[in-house]
Amino acid sequence: MYDRTIRWRGGESFMCLANNIRYLRKKFNYSQDFIAEKLGYKSYTTIQKWESGVSEPSIAKLRQLAELF
């Protein structure tokens, strides 16, 4: 389920975002490759990093994600 909780300690805020990206991607039946292509990336690895909490998207990419979902 979509996680609306905002957590600021440690890396928890990243994990909320990571979980939400994964949840919405699966809800809309999008692959990581599809999202990467729509956002202008050459491969799915960036999306994979967002979903695992290793990195986070820029504000510009978050806007593009919002348009997809």
Protein backbone atom coordinates (compact mmCIF):
# COMPACT_ATOMS: atom_id res chain seq x y z
CA MET A 1 0.00 0.00 0.00
CA TYR A 2 1.07 3.60 -0.62
CA ASP A 3 3.07 4.89 2.36
CA ARG A 4 2.19 8.48 3.29
CA THR A 5 4.32 8.50 6.42
CA ILE A 6 7.25 10.89 6.31
CA ARG A 7 10.27 9.72 8.29
CA TRP A 8 13.37 11.84 8.61
CA ARG A 9 15.73 9.79 10.77
CA GLY A 10 18.59 8.09 8.97
CA GLY A 11 17.68 6.73 5.56
CA GLU A 12 14.07 6.01 6.40
CA SER A 13 12.70 8.83 4.24
CA PHE A 14 14.45 7.25 1.26
CA MET A 15 12.86 3.90 1.98
CA CYS A 16 9.38 5.43 2.06
CA LEU A 17 10.02 6.96 -1.35
CA ALA A 18 11.59 3.72 -2.58
CA ASN A 19 8.61 1.68 -1.41
CA ASN A 20 6.15 4.12 -2.94
CA ILE A 21 7.89 4.09 -6.31
CA ARG A 22 7.90 0.28 -6.32
CA TYR A 23 4.26 0.11 -5.19
CA LEU A 24 3.03 2.55 -7.86
CA ARG A 25 5.11 0.89 -10.58
CA LYS A 26 3.57 -2.48 -9.79
CA LYS A 27 0.07 -1.00 -9.40
CA PHE A 28 0.25 0.42 -12.92
CA ASN A 29 1.96 -2.74 -14.21
CA TYR A 30 5.02 -0.80 -15.42
CA SER A 31 8.43 -2.40 -15.73
CA GLN A 32 11.58 -0.69 -14.54
CA ASP A 33 12.66 -0.59 -18.19
CA PHE A 34 9.45 1.21 -19.19
CA ILE A 35 9.88 3.88 -16.52
CA ALA A 36 13.56 4.31 -17.40
CA GLU A 37 12.67 4.82 -21.04
CA LYS A 38 9.92 7.35 -20.24
CA LEU A 39 12.30 9.32 -18.02
CA GLY A 40 15.12 9.31 -20.57
CA TYR A 41 17.44 6.73 -19.01
CA LYS A 42 19.23 4.09 -21.09
CA SER A 43 18.61 1.23 -18.65
CA TYR A 44 16.56 0.22 -15.64
CA THR A 45 19.46 0.41 -13.17
CA THR A 46 18.63 3.94 -12.01
CA ILE A 47 15.04 2.92 -11.26
CA GLN A 48 16.34 -0.15 -9.47
CA LYS A 49 18.55 2.06 -7.27
CA TRP A 50 15.59 4.31 -6.42
CA GLU A 51 13.48 1.31 -5.43
CA SER A 52 16.24 -0.16 -3.28
CA GLY A 53 16.89 3.15 -1.52
CA VAL A 54 20.47 3.45 -2.80
CA SER A 55 19.73 6.78 -4.48
CA GLU A 56 16.79 9.09 -5.03
CA PRO A 57 15.42 10.93 -8.06
CA SER A 58 15.92 14.63 -8.62
CA ILE A 59 12.96 16.99 -8.22
CA ALA A 60 12.64 17.16 -12.00
CA LYS A 61 12.47 13.36 -12.26
CA LEU A 62 9.96 13.23 -9.39
CA ARG A 63 7.72 15.55 -11.43
CA GLN A 64 8.01 13.23 -14.42
CA LEU A 65 7.22 10.24 -12.20
CA ALA A 66 4.13 12.01 -10.89
CA GLU A 67 2.92 12.48 -14.46
CA LEU A 68 3.36 8.75 -15.15
CA PHE A 69 1.39 7.73 -12.08
